[in-house]
Each structure stands twice: as structure tokens, then as C-alpha cells.
Amino acid sequence: MKGRVSFIAMLFLLPLFSQAQKISYSDVLKENSRDMDFEIVGKVSGNILVFKNVSSRYAISVYQGDMELKEKVDLDFIPSKAFNVDFVVYPDFFYLIYQYQKRGVVYCMAAKIDGNVKKLNEPVLLDTTQVGVFGDNKIYNVVASEDKQKIMVFKIQKKDDRFNFATLLYDNQLQPIHKSRQIMDYNERKDVLSDFFVDNDGTFVFAKSIKSSARDDIGTLDLVTKPAMQDTFTYRVLPLNKTYIDEVKIKVDNVNKRYVLSSFYYGERRGNITGIYASVWDIKGDSIYTSVFNPLPDSVRSIAKEKGGLKYAFNDFFIRNLILKKDGGYLLVAEDFSAQSTGNNQWNRWDYLYNSPFSNPYYYNFYSPYYGGYYRPYNSFNNYYNNRYYYYNILVQSIDNKGVTEWSNIIHKEQFADITDNYLSYATFNTGAGIHFLFNNSDKRNPLLIDNVIAGDGTLTRNPSLKSYDKGYEFMIRYAKQTGARQMIVPCSYRQQICFAKIDF
């Protein structure tokens, strides 16, 4: 289940200002929270919709006003033990796309549902795949274009050292546009695929990176595209000039007709992070628009580092998001993250990036992008249930439309927790005047939601903290979702039970 971050038109024309925030809480859910997964669907026809899965029983809660529960609607048309439930949300309805297996066949289905969670049609069959009784069944994924006029359902099946791709492109009425199949060579020890996107023209796009060995840096990078009516992938080599890069993030810039790719880079294999690689592919010209390696200067390193020498300052940072700007530039947001298990296993960023299910697109179904997410009660990364998680400072770097760094800033925070990291990290909130970074402070005795704002020129302002007016609530801010120009829905826990807060700024 995958949350989506759409193109953000960063105006930065309005003056920064702060006003009182209103926090409204829903009632605590009666379900057993330890067995519940959820996702904030969004705002549809003025209602806030939250999907819940409790022991393979599916429902959507409809909230209105100050988070009063209007109705809880059971989704009894979804078979038990379905998987990969995805949502494509429009102002007055949404598509719920789900998969389930019956005997040796996987079915991909879609239902159109209104803002009161009433079916507008019976579920329709999109595709089926024969996998065998014991075959891998989590094969379908869904991405939508920024304007929601194109919906891509694609599946990946692995056979030997190949990926069998099938792409099914639909319009906004779920009418089929084009279907294609092809095979991609794939070495699971060396090849890494990025997130997948479909642009407003229906082009399927992602990046393929190749490492020299299983636990190494990336030395080769390809941009892979398939236009809407084309049946084969097109590979375009992006030169790295004998420089090694990290995990690649990609974003579609529909306004300027570009694909933006970015990563940390290293001066030598398995070395220290040197800077940020920024590459832009021009769609109209079918060529590289720019490719720049921006070093991170000591002036930024000295502010970012928590311990050790300056050359190690960014070795625990991971790129979380690229936020596009109207002029073709973007903000790169990265976070200092590490973890330690009770087994005293040494922290290794290459293991984290490339030796977990989250790095393998064959397991893309298990991945939800970092924000807007799909909550699970416990983090099962590497099957360690006694991890200690560390989430420290945030790097925000503005890169112009030629790939060159304009400014950098560091948002300071220090968070850690054992067993689960559900209450750590941060969420972003765009008001047009700037990007808000919201995160919990580390003092559990006095819980506050810290609000830092980055303006268009890089100025950092700390707004008054948001106080929980009722004691006992803890914000799971990393799973928050913006549902309006000045509104955000945040999952919370109260005495280990789940509820939801609406914050009006």
C-alpha cells in the first residue's frame, strides 16, 4: 500500500505567518490496535476517510466536522486475506484497487466508491495471473499520474534472472488505454530499481541502478521509460563520470516536462558521502538537461554532524523526498537515521539500503513511501523486534533548475526509541508560504509537536510548538497526511489505542 506525494507548486510568495492551531481528536478505536493496519485515504466529498484492516477484516471509517465518526463501513466485498490495497483519490470519489488469491490465481480488482463509502459500481476485474498454489502472489502495483487522468497497474514476476513486466494503462474512468509485456534482465545482487511513476502523458518511468557487488555503491545508472502506446522499455545511460552514487530518488516534473533524479554520491567506492548528485532529463529534447555533482561544504557539515569528524557528517543521512518547484528546481530533503539491534549488529547503510525487502522491486508491494503511509503496529525490518532507532537532523537543500545548489539548511532534532519507530521522524506540510516540518520532541513527559518552517530563500523559522491539549495523546507524525490547504490528519495513540487528530492551521 503506497502513499503518493504529488507535484507541489511552491509559491513562496505569501508572507510567513503563524496563527493558532485547532486540534480535534476522534474517539479511540475499539479494535485491537496490535492487529490493525491503517491508511489515511484522504478527504472525499468533505469527509475524512481512513482505511483499516483488523485481522483481514476491512473497513473505512468516515469522519466529519471535528473528527466525529459519521459511519464505519465494512468492505465485505474484499475477500479475506487480500493484499496490496491501493487508493486513487478524486474530490468526490476514489478507486479502491485490491488483490487476492484463489487457489493458484491472483486477481486484481477495482471498485469505485463515493465519499460516504457507497459503491458506485460492483468491483471490476482488471487482470489475473497464474502463480501456482505456492507461488509468489504479491505482484501488482498501482501508480497514478499527478493529474489523476492516467492510472497504471503493473505487475512484476521474477523468473531466473529476469523480471517479467506487464503494464496496464487506464484513463480516469478505468477504461483501458494500452497493455504491454516485456522482459528485463535483473540480477538481484547488483541491480536496484527506483520508485515507479507514470507521467501525465502516460509514460511509465523509473531508474535502474547497477552495483559492482551486493553490498556496494552504484556505478551505473539508467533512466527507463515506456511511453503510453509503446511496448518496450527505452534505456538511457546517465553518465556518472567514474563517481559512485547511493539510492536514487526520481520525481516527474510535469510542468516543465522533465524527470528529476537525485542521490548522494561518493568520491570513492564505499567511501564517505561527498555531496549530492543532481540530474535532469528533458523529455521534449530526449536528452540530459543537466548533470551536476554538488559537494557538501564544511560549513554545512559542521552544523549537520552529531559526532565524529566533518567527513563523516552525512554518512547516516538518507534522502526522503524531492519537492518540486514551479521553475524546475526542487528541494531535497534528507534525514539522519540509524538503528542498532539488541544483537549488537553493526549499523551499515548498505545493508539498510540494499539488503532488505524494501530495496527489491519484486517486493515493492511491501514498501510504502516514507510519508503518507501505511501504518503497521511494529516495524519488522530485518525481523529485529528489539531495535533502537535514531532519527536526528534533517537536511534541506535547494537545487535550481540547472542542478546547482542554491542554499542548504539544517533542522535540528534528536529522537530515539526502542522496538518501534512509529512516533519518530517527521511530516511535511505545504502552506504556500513555506514548507513546515513537524516532529515530536524527545521529552515524553511534556509532549510537543515542533513546527519548523523553511521559506523559499532558505530562512528557517521555528513556530510556537503545537501542544496536545489533552494529556496522553502521542502523535505518529510520520504517517500524517495533508488533506487541505491548512489541514492535516495525524494518527495518534491514546493508552496504546489508535485514534486520529485533525489539525487546522
Protein backbone atom coordinates (compact mmCIF):
# COMPACT_ATOMS: atom_id res chain seq x y z
CA MET A 1 0.00 0.00 0.00
CA LYS A 2 1.61 3.09 -1.10
CA GLY A 3 1.15 6.64 -0.26
CA ARG A 4 1.81 9.23 -3.03
CA VAL A 5 3.49 12.71 -2.93
CA SER A 6 2.25 14.79 -5.86
CA PHE A 7 3.94 17.79 -7.55
CA ILE A 8 3.94 20.67 -5.08
CA ALA A 9 3.64 24.13 -6.57
CA MET A 10 5.82 26.05 -4.17
CA LEU A 11 4.66 29.62 -4.40
CA PHE A 12 6.72 31.18 -1.63
CA LEU A 13 5.04 34.50 -2.39
CA LEU A 14 2.94 34.89 0.73
CA PRO A 15 4.45 36.23 3.93
CA LEU A 16 5.17 33.71 6.65
CA PHE A 17 2.76 33.96 9.50
CA SER A 18 1.64 31.89 12.41
CA GLN A 19 -1.84 31.52 13.77
CA ALA A 20 -3.45 29.42 16.42
CA GLN A 21 -3.94 25.79 15.60
CA LYS A 22 -7.03 23.81 16.42
CA ILE A 23 -6.64 20.11 17.20
CA SER A 24 -9.68 17.83 17.08
CA TYR A 25 -9.46 14.19 18.15
CA SER A 26 -11.57 11.26 17.04
CA ASP A 27 -12.78 8.73 19.58
CA VAL A 28 -10.34 5.96 20.38
CA LEU A 29 -10.90 2.93 18.16
CA LYS A 30 -12.34 -0.12 19.82
CA GLU A 31 -10.45 -2.51 17.56
CA ASN A 32 -7.37 -4.30 18.82
CA SER A 33 -4.69 -1.88 17.71
CA ARG A 34 -1.97 -4.50 17.92
CA ASP A 35 -3.59 -6.33 15.00
CA MET A 36 -4.63 -3.30 12.97
CA ASP A 37 -3.12 -1.72 9.88
CA PHE A 38 -4.47 1.57 8.58
CA GLU A 39 -4.03 4.18 5.92
CA ILE A 40 -5.43 7.70 5.71
CA VAL A 41 -7.24 7.69 2.37
CA GLY A 42 -7.83 11.46 2.33
CA LYS A 43 -10.71 13.91 2.04
CA VAL A 44 -13.53 12.89 -0.32
CA SER A 45 -16.75 14.95 -0.63
CA GLY A 46 -15.75 16.77 2.57
CA ASN A 47 -15.39 13.58 4.63
CA ILE A 48 -12.14 12.27 6.06
CA LEU A 49 -11.74 8.59 5.17
CA VAL A 50 -9.48 6.13 7.00
CA PHE A 51 -8.99 2.55 5.80
CA LYS A 52 -8.49 -0.13 8.46
CA ASN A 53 -7.53 -3.78 8.31
CA VAL A 54 -8.07 -5.76 11.50
CA SER A 55 -7.19 -9.44 11.17
CA SER A 56 -8.12 -9.43 7.45
CA ARG A 57 -11.43 -7.65 8.07
CA TYR A 58 -11.56 -4.45 6.06
CA ALA A 59 -13.48 -1.24 6.72
CA ILE A 60 -13.37 2.51 6.11
CA SER A 61 -14.29 4.97 8.86
CA VAL A 62 -15.97 8.18 7.74
CA TYR A 63 -15.18 11.24 9.87
CA GLN A 64 -16.77 14.67 9.60
CA GLY A 65 -16.65 18.02 11.42
CA ASP A 66 -14.31 17.85 14.40
CA MET A 67 -13.48 14.19 13.72
CA GLU A 68 -16.88 12.82 14.75
CA LEU A 69 -17.34 9.32 13.44
CA LYS A 70 -20.21 9.51 10.95
CA GLU A 71 -20.11 5.85 9.96
CA LYS A 72 -17.90 2.81 9.79
CA VAL A 73 -18.47 0.90 6.57
CA ASP A 74 -17.40 -2.72 6.27
CA LEU A 75 -15.81 -3.58 2.95
CA ASP A 76 -17.32 -7.01 2.80
CA PHE A 77 -16.74 -7.29 -0.95
CA ILE A 78 -12.98 -7.66 -0.31
CA PRO A 79 -12.09 -11.31 0.28
CA SER A 80 -10.32 -12.28 3.47
CA LYS A 81 -6.55 -12.02 3.32
CA ALA A 82 -6.49 -9.66 0.39
CA PHE A 83 -3.26 -7.77 -0.11
CA ASN A 84 -1.96 -4.60 -1.68
CA VAL A 85 -4.98 -2.38 -1.22
CA ASP A 86 -4.34 0.87 -3.13
CA PHE A 87 -6.31 4.09 -3.44
CA VAL A 88 -6.56 6.64 -6.26
CA VAL A 89 -8.42 9.59 -4.75
CA TYR A 90 -10.51 12.25 -6.52
CA PRO A 91 -12.54 15.12 -4.96
CA ASP A 92 -15.84 13.20 -4.91
CA PHE A 93 -14.91 9.52 -5.27
CA PHE A 94 -11.98 7.13 -5.15
CA TYR A 95 -10.88 3.87 -6.68
CA LEU A 96 -10.04 1.03 -4.33
CA ILE A 97 -7.76 -1.45 -6.13
CA TYR A 98 -7.02 -4.72 -4.39
CA GLN A 99 -5.60 -8.18 -4.97
CA TYR A 100 -6.42 -11.59 -3.66
CA GLN A 101 -5.51 -15.16 -4.46
CA LYS A 102 -7.89 -18.04 -5.05
CA ARG A 103 -6.19 -21.35 -5.50
CA GLY A 104 -3.31 -20.68 -7.88
CA VAL A 105 -4.67 -17.47 -9.45
CA VAL A 106 -4.13 -13.87 -8.31
CA TYR A 107 -6.99 -11.47 -9.10
CA CYS A 108 -6.59 -7.70 -9.38
CA MET A 109 -9.90 -5.91 -8.80
CA ALA A 110 -11.13 -2.31 -8.63
CA ALA A 111 -14.18 -0.68 -7.06
CA LYS A 112 -15.39 2.91 -7.48
CA ILE A 113 -16.59 4.36 -4.17
CA ASP A 114 -18.04 7.74 -3.16
CA GLY A 115 -17.27 9.96 -0.17
CA ASN A 116 -19.76 8.11 2.02
CA VAL A 117 -18.11 4.79 1.13
CA LYS A 118 -21.01 3.66 -1.04
CA LYS A 119 -20.08 1.58 -4.05
CA LEU A 120 -20.76 3.35 -7.34
CA ASN A 121 -20.32 0.08 -9.19
CA GLU A 122 -19.61 -3.54 -8.45
CA PRO A 123 -15.90 -4.41 -8.36
CA VAL A 124 -14.48 -5.00 -11.84
CA LEU A 125 -11.72 -7.40 -12.79
CA LEU A 126 -8.58 -5.69 -14.10
CA ASP A 127 -6.26 -8.65 -14.52
CA THR A 128 -5.44 -12.19 -13.42
CA THR A 129 -2.16 -14.06 -13.09
CA GLN A 130 -1.47 -17.76 -12.69
CA VAL A 131 1.08 -18.16 -9.88
CA GLY A 132 0.52 -21.66 -8.57
CA VAL A 133 -0.62 -22.59 -5.10
CA PHE A 134 2.76 -21.80 -3.50
CA GLY A 135 3.94 -19.12 -5.90
CA ASP A 136 4.74 -15.52 -5.00
CA ASN A 137 1.47 -13.63 -5.16
CA LYS A 138 2.20 -10.02 -4.30
CA ILE A 139 2.83 -8.94 -7.86
CA TYR A 140 0.55 -5.99 -8.71
CA ASN A 141 1.28 -2.33 -8.00
CA VAL A 142 -0.60 0.88 -8.78
CA VAL A 143 0.64 4.36 -9.65
CA ALA A 144 -1.35 7.37 -10.86
CA SER A 145 -0.28 10.45 -12.75
CA GLU A 146 -0.21 13.78 -10.96
CA ASP A 147 -3.38 14.97 -12.69
CA LYS A 148 -5.07 11.59 -11.94
CA GLN A 149 -6.00 11.22 -15.61
CA LYS A 150 -3.79 8.14 -16.04
CA ILE A 151 -3.70 5.07 -13.80
CA MET A 152 -1.04 2.41 -14.27
CA VAL A 153 -1.44 -1.08 -12.88
CA PHE A 154 1.75 -3.05 -13.36
CA LYS A 155 2.99 -6.43 -12.26
CA ILE A 156 6.42 -7.95 -11.91
CA GLN A 157 7.13 -11.66 -11.84
CA LYS A 158 10.65 -12.97 -11.35
CA LYS A 159 11.87 -15.99 -13.26
CA ASP A 160 15.53 -16.95 -13.12
CA ASP A 161 17.49 -13.70 -13.62
CA ARG A 162 14.67 -11.87 -15.35
CA PHE A 163 11.71 -9.72 -14.48
CA ASN A 164 8.54 -10.26 -16.49
CA PHE A 165 6.85 -6.86 -16.63
CA ALA A 166 3.23 -6.30 -17.59
CA THR A 167 1.81 -2.77 -17.68
CA LEU A 168 -1.89 -1.93 -17.91
CA LEU A 169 -2.65 1.75 -18.53
CA TYR A 170 -6.14 3.14 -17.79
CA ASP A 171 -7.82 6.52 -18.00
CA ASN A 172 -9.60 8.18 -15.09
CA GLN A 173 -12.73 6.12 -15.77
CA LEU A 174 -10.71 2.90 -15.60
CA GLN A 175 -11.12 2.39 -19.32
CA PRO A 176 -8.11 0.53 -20.76
CA ILE A 177 -5.70 2.54 -22.92
CA HIS A 178 -2.86 0.12 -23.57
CA LYS A 179 -1.42 -3.14 -22.27
CA SER A 180 2.10 -4.41 -22.85
CA ARG A 181 4.50 -7.09 -21.68
CA GLN A 182 8.25 -7.36 -21.77
CA ILE A 183 11.23 -8.93 -20.05
CA MET A 184 14.03 -7.14 -18.19
CA ASP A 185 17.31 -8.74 -17.16
CA TYR A 186 17.68 -8.45 -13.40
CA ASN A 187 20.47 -9.52 -11.04
CA GLU A 188 19.06 -9.32 -7.53
CA ARG A 189 22.55 -8.97 -6.05
CA LYS A 190 23.54 -5.99 -8.17
CA ASP A 191 20.51 -4.32 -9.72
CA VAL A 192 18.29 -1.82 -7.88
CA LEU A 193 15.14 -0.19 -9.24
CA SER A 194 13.80 3.13 -8.02
CA ASP A 195 10.20 4.02 -7.24
CA PHE A 196 7.87 3.79 -10.23
CA PHE A 197 5.90 6.68 -11.73
CA VAL A 198 3.57 7.44 -14.61
CA ASP A 199 3.59 10.98 -16.00
CA ASN A 200 0.59 12.97 -17.23
CA ASP A 201 1.15 11.68 -20.79
CA GLY A 202 1.01 8.07 -19.61
CA THR A 203 4.73 7.34 -19.79
CA PHE A 204 5.92 4.74 -17.29
CA VAL A 205 9.25 5.82 -15.77
CA PHE A 206 11.79 4.56 -13.24
CA ALA A 207 15.56 4.31 -12.75
CA LYS A 208 17.68 1.18 -12.86
CA SER A 209 20.98 1.24 -10.96
CA ILE A 210 23.76 -1.34 -11.10
CA LYS A 211 26.23 -2.03 -8.29
CA SER A 212 29.59 -3.73 -8.69
CA SER A 213 28.67 -6.19 -5.91
CA ALA A 214 25.81 -6.92 -3.50
CA ARG A 215 26.99 -4.53 -0.77
CA ASP A 216 28.48 -1.72 -2.74
CA ASP A 217 27.76 1.69 -4.21
CA ILE A 218 26.04 2.26 -7.54
CA GLY A 219 28.37 2.72 -10.50
CA THR A 220 25.91 2.67 -13.43
CA LEU A 221 22.58 4.47 -13.77
CA ASP A 222 19.88 4.10 -16.45
CA LEU A 223 16.68 6.08 -16.90
CA VAL A 224 14.00 3.63 -18.05
CA THR A 225 10.85 4.84 -19.82
CA LYS A 226 7.93 3.34 -21.72
CA PRO A 227 5.58 5.83 -23.44
CA ALA A 228 1.86 5.11 -23.19
CA MET A 229 1.45 3.32 -26.54
CA GLN A 230 4.93 1.79 -26.71
CA ASP A 231 5.51 -1.90 -25.93
CA THR A 232 9.19 -1.83 -24.98
CA PHE A 233 11.36 -0.08 -22.41
CA THR A 234 13.84 2.54 -23.55
CA TYR A 235 17.11 2.71 -21.59
CA ARG A 236 19.12 5.92 -21.40
CA VAL A 237 22.51 5.86 -19.71
CA LEU A 238 23.13 8.76 -17.32
CA PRO A 239 26.89 9.31 -17.02
CA LEU A 240 28.35 9.19 -13.50
CA ASN A 241 31.90 10.15 -14.54
CA LYS A 242 33.50 7.34 -12.51
CA THR A 243 31.73 8.61 -9.39
CA TYR A 244 29.66 6.31 -7.15
CA ILE A 245 26.16 7.14 -6.04
CA ASP A 246 23.67 6.00 -3.41
CA GLU A 247 19.99 5.08 -3.66
CA VAL A 248 18.41 7.10 -6.48
CA LYS A 249 15.29 9.18 -5.98
CA ILE A 250 13.27 10.19 -9.03
CA LYS A 251 10.40 12.62 -9.50
CA VAL A 252 8.28 13.57 -12.54
CA ASP A 253 8.14 17.31 -13.31
CA ASN A 254 5.01 17.51 -15.45
CA VAL A 255 5.04 21.31 -15.62
CA ASN A 256 8.49 21.57 -17.18
CA LYS A 257 8.38 18.16 -18.93
CA ARG A 258 11.39 16.75 -17.12
CA TYR A 259 12.44 13.80 -14.99
CA VAL A 260 14.46 14.77 -11.93
CA LEU A 261 16.91 12.28 -10.40
CA SER A 262 18.99 12.82 -7.29
CA SER A 263 21.23 10.89 -4.93
CA PHE A 264 24.11 11.21 -2.51
CA TYR A 265 27.46 10.48 -4.12
CA TYR A 266 30.87 9.22 -3.01
CA GLY A 267 34.32 10.13 -4.24
CA GLU A 268 35.48 6.53 -3.87
CA ARG A 269 33.84 3.13 -3.53
CA ARG A 270 32.24 2.62 -0.10
CA GLY A 271 33.69 5.94 0.96
CA ASN A 272 32.18 8.86 2.85
CA ILE A 273 29.33 10.86 1.37
CA THR A 274 30.84 13.70 -0.63
CA GLY A 275 27.81 15.56 -1.89
CA ILE A 276 24.57 15.46 -3.88
CA TYR A 277 24.19 14.28 -7.46
CA ALA A 278 21.50 16.15 -9.43
CA SER A 279 20.46 15.08 -12.91
CA VAL A 280 17.56 16.28 -15.06
CA TRP A 281 16.30 14.59 -18.21
CA ASP A 282 14.50 16.82 -20.73
CA ILE A 283 11.50 14.91 -22.13
CA LYS A 284 10.88 17.09 -25.19
CA GLY A 285 14.52 17.13 -26.23
CA ASP A 286 15.03 13.47 -25.22
CA SER A 287 18.38 14.40 -23.73
CA ILE A 288 20.18 15.22 -20.49
CA TYR A 289 19.33 18.78 -19.50
CA THR A 290 21.87 18.92 -16.69
CA SER A 291 24.02 16.64 -14.56
CA VAL A 292 25.82 18.16 -11.57
CA PHE A 293 27.77 16.83 -8.59
CA ASN A 294 27.29 19.31 -5.74
CA PRO A 295 29.78 18.86 -2.86
CA LEU A 296 28.53 19.39 0.68
CA PRO A 297 30.79 22.10 2.14
CA ASP A 298 32.34 22.02 5.62
CA SER A 299 30.12 24.95 6.66
CA VAL A 300 27.07 22.68 6.27
CA ARG A 301 28.83 19.59 7.64
CA SER A 302 29.76 21.35 10.86
CA ILE A 303 26.08 22.12 11.52
CA ALA A 304 24.79 18.70 10.50
CA LYS A 305 27.19 16.39 12.31
CA GLU A 306 26.21 14.80 15.62
CA LYS A 307 29.52 13.08 16.24
CA GLY A 308 32.84 12.34 14.56
CA GLY A 309 34.80 14.31 12.01
CA LEU A 310 33.34 16.50 9.28
CA LYS A 311 33.99 13.94 6.54
CA TYR A 312 31.58 11.53 8.27
CA ALA A 313 28.83 14.13 8.79
CA PHE A 314 26.36 12.80 6.19
CA ASN A 315 27.14 9.08 6.27
CA ASP A 316 23.88 8.31 8.13
CA PHE A 317 21.69 10.62 6.04
CA PHE A 318 19.08 9.21 3.66
CA ILE A 319 17.13 11.14 1.04
CA ARG A 320 13.46 11.08 1.99
CA ASN A 321 11.85 13.26 -0.65
CA LEU A 322 12.26 15.61 -3.59
CA ILE A 323 9.81 18.54 -3.53
CA LEU A 324 9.46 20.17 -6.93
CA LYS A 325 9.30 23.90 -7.59
CA LYS A 326 7.49 25.64 -10.44
CA ASP A 327 10.68 26.89 -12.09
CA GLY A 328 12.10 23.37 -12.47
CA GLY A 329 14.22 23.40 -9.33
CA TYR A 330 13.49 21.34 -6.25
CA LEU A 331 14.09 20.88 -2.55
CA LEU A 332 15.97 17.77 -1.50
CA VAL A 333 15.06 16.58 2.00
CA ALA A 334 17.26 14.05 3.82
CA GLU A 335 17.26 12.70 7.37
CA ASP A 336 19.92 11.34 9.70
CA PHE A 337 18.83 7.79 10.52
CA SER A 338 20.46 4.72 12.06
CA ALA A 339 19.46 1.70 14.12
CA GLN A 340 21.02 -0.84 16.43
CA SER A 341 19.69 -4.28 17.32
CA THR A 342 19.95 -5.96 20.67
CA GLY A 343 22.29 -8.43 18.99
CA ASN A 344 24.77 -5.56 18.69
CA ASN A 345 24.87 -5.93 14.91
CA GLN A 346 26.90 -3.11 13.45
CA TRP A 347 24.88 -0.45 11.61
CA ASN A 348 25.57 -0.47 7.89
CA ARG A 349 23.85 1.84 5.40
CA TRP A 350 24.45 -0.59 2.53
CA ASP A 351 22.61 -3.33 4.39
CA TYR A 352 19.77 -0.92 5.12
CA LEU A 353 19.50 0.26 1.51
CA TYR A 354 20.23 -2.89 -0.42
CA ASN A 355 19.90 -5.93 1.84
CA SER A 356 16.29 -5.60 2.92
CA PRO A 357 13.00 -6.39 1.17
CA PHE A 358 12.45 -2.67 0.69
CA SER A 359 15.27 -2.43 -1.86
CA ASN A 360 13.97 -5.15 -4.15
CA PRO A 361 11.19 -4.01 -6.51
CA TYR A 362 9.92 -7.58 -6.60
CA TYR A 363 8.85 -6.78 -3.05
CA TYR A 364 7.67 -3.31 -4.00
CA ASN A 365 4.30 -4.31 -2.59
CA PHE A 366 5.72 -4.20 0.93
CA TYR A 367 7.11 -0.72 0.51
CA SER A 368 5.24 2.43 1.24
CA PRO A 369 6.97 5.72 0.51
CA TYR A 370 8.24 7.33 3.60
CA TYR A 371 5.38 9.74 4.16
CA GLY A 372 1.64 9.46 3.78
CA GLY A 373 1.94 5.96 4.87
CA TYR A 374 0.67 2.67 5.77
CA TYR A 375 0.95 2.01 9.48
CA ARG A 376 1.85 -1.38 10.86
CA PRO A 377 1.91 -1.94 14.62
CA TYR A 378 5.54 -3.00 14.73
CA ASN A 379 8.47 -2.33 12.47
CA SER A 380 9.72 -5.69 11.24
CA PHE A 381 12.82 -4.52 9.39
CA ASN A 382 15.28 -7.40 9.32
CA ASN A 383 12.99 -9.17 11.83
CA TYR A 384 14.59 -7.38 14.78
CA TYR A 385 11.90 -6.62 17.35
CA ASN A 386 14.36 -5.10 19.82
CA ASN A 387 15.92 -2.40 17.71
CA ARG A 388 16.84 1.03 18.93
CA TYR A 389 16.07 3.63 16.29
CA TYR A 390 17.80 7.00 15.96
CA TYR A 391 16.30 9.85 13.92
CA TYR A 392 18.35 13.01 14.06
CA ASN A 393 18.79 16.15 11.96
CA ILE A 394 17.07 17.00 8.67
CA LEU A 395 18.96 18.41 5.68
CA VAL A 396 17.01 20.71 3.35
CA GLN A 397 18.86 21.70 0.19
CA SER A 398 17.50 23.88 -2.60
CA ILE A 399 18.72 22.92 -6.08
CA ASP A 400 17.98 25.22 -9.01
CA ASN A 401 16.69 24.21 -12.43
CA LYS A 402 20.25 23.72 -13.67
CA GLY A 403 21.07 21.25 -10.89
CA VAL A 404 23.22 23.66 -8.85
CA THR A 405 22.84 24.11 -5.09
CA GLU A 406 21.26 27.45 -4.12
CA TRP A 407 21.27 27.07 -0.34
CA SER A 408 21.31 24.47 2.42
CA ASN A 409 19.85 24.43 5.90
CA ILE A 410 19.74 22.00 8.81
CA ILE A 411 16.70 21.40 11.03
CA HIS A 412 17.93 20.10 14.35
CA LYS A 413 16.18 17.27 16.13
CA GLU A 414 17.20 14.31 18.25
CA GLN A 415 14.85 11.35 18.50
CA PHE A 416 15.31 7.73 19.53
CA ALA A 417 13.10 4.86 20.62
CA ASP A 418 13.18 1.12 21.20
CA ILE A 419 11.18 -1.60 19.42
CA THR A 420 9.13 0.75 17.21
CA ASP A 421 9.82 3.99 15.38
CA ASN A 422 6.14 4.87 14.78
CA TYR A 423 6.48 8.10 16.80
CA LEU A 424 9.78 9.24 15.29
CA SER A 425 10.78 11.13 12.14
CA TYR A 426 8.68 13.97 10.70
CA ALA A 427 5.99 15.10 8.27
CA THR A 428 5.97 18.00 5.81
CA PHE A 429 3.11 20.43 5.34
CA ASN A 430 2.95 22.95 2.48
CA THR A 431 1.04 26.20 3.08
CA GLY A 432 2.27 28.07 0.01
CA ALA A 433 4.26 30.40 2.25
CA GLY A 434 6.77 27.68 3.05
CA ILE A 435 7.27 24.06 3.94
CA HIS A 436 6.51 23.10 7.54
CA PHE A 437 8.49 20.28 9.14
CA LEU A 438 6.58 18.77 12.05
CA PHE A 439 8.07 16.30 14.53
CA ASN A 440 7.70 15.18 18.13
CA ASN A 441 10.12 16.42 20.72
CA SER A 442 12.08 13.83 22.69
CA ASP A 443 10.59 14.66 26.10
CA LYS A 444 7.70 12.24 26.66
CA ARG A 445 6.79 13.94 29.92
CA ASN A 446 5.93 17.11 28.03
CA PRO A 447 4.85 16.05 24.52
CA LEU A 448 5.01 18.81 21.96
CA LEU A 449 4.79 18.86 18.20
CA ILE A 450 7.67 21.00 16.95
CA ASP A 451 6.96 23.17 13.89
CA ASN A 452 9.88 24.48 11.80
CA VAL A 453 9.24 26.35 8.54
CA ILE A 454 11.59 26.69 5.58
CA ALA A 455 10.91 29.70 3.35
CA GLY A 456 11.77 29.98 -0.33
CA ASP A 457 15.08 31.72 0.41
CA GLY A 458 16.16 29.07 2.93
CA THR A 459 15.24 31.05 6.03
CA LEU A 460 14.35 28.76 8.91
CA THR A 461 11.69 29.86 11.41
CA ARG A 462 10.54 27.94 14.47
CA ASN A 463 6.86 28.47 15.09
CA PRO A 464 5.30 28.01 18.53
CA SER A 465 5.03 24.31 19.30
CA LEU A 466 1.67 22.58 18.95
CA LYS A 467 0.51 21.39 22.34
CA SER A 468 -1.66 18.37 22.91
CA TYR A 469 -4.46 19.94 24.93
CA ASP A 470 -5.45 16.54 26.28
CA LYS A 471 -2.79 14.58 28.10
CA GLY A 472 -1.97 11.08 26.98
CA TYR A 473 -2.05 11.53 23.19
CA GLU A 474 1.06 10.68 21.18
CA PHE A 475 1.34 11.76 17.55
CA MET A 476 2.51 9.30 14.91
CA ILE A 477 3.51 12.24 12.78
CA ARG A 478 5.39 10.28 10.12
CA TYR A 479 2.04 8.84 8.92
CA ALA A 480 0.29 12.21 8.73
CA LYS A 481 -1.44 13.33 5.54
CA GLN A 482 -2.25 16.83 4.35
CA THR A 483 -5.94 16.98 3.42
CA GLY A 484 -6.40 20.69 2.75
CA ALA A 485 -4.61 23.99 2.27
CA ARG A 486 -4.28 24.30 6.05
CA GLN A 487 -5.40 20.93 7.32
CA MET A 488 -3.61 17.73 8.28
CA ILE A 489 -4.79 14.37 9.63
CA VAL A 490 -2.40 12.75 12.11
CA PRO A 491 -2.71 9.24 13.59
CA CYS A 492 -2.36 9.18 17.37
CA SER A 493 -2.26 6.67 20.15
CA TYR A 494 -4.03 7.04 23.47
CA ARG A 495 -3.30 4.41 26.10
CA GLN A 496 -1.97 2.16 23.32
CA GLN A 497 -5.17 2.51 21.27
CA ILE A 498 -5.41 4.26 17.91
CA CYS A 499 -7.26 7.49 17.16
CA PHE A 500 -6.86 10.36 14.68
CA ALA A 501 -6.33 14.07 15.10
CA LYS A 502 -7.30 16.82 12.67
CA ILE A 503 -5.01 19.84 12.89
CA ASP A 504 -6.30 23.06 11.34
CA PHE A 505 -3.55 25.63 10.96
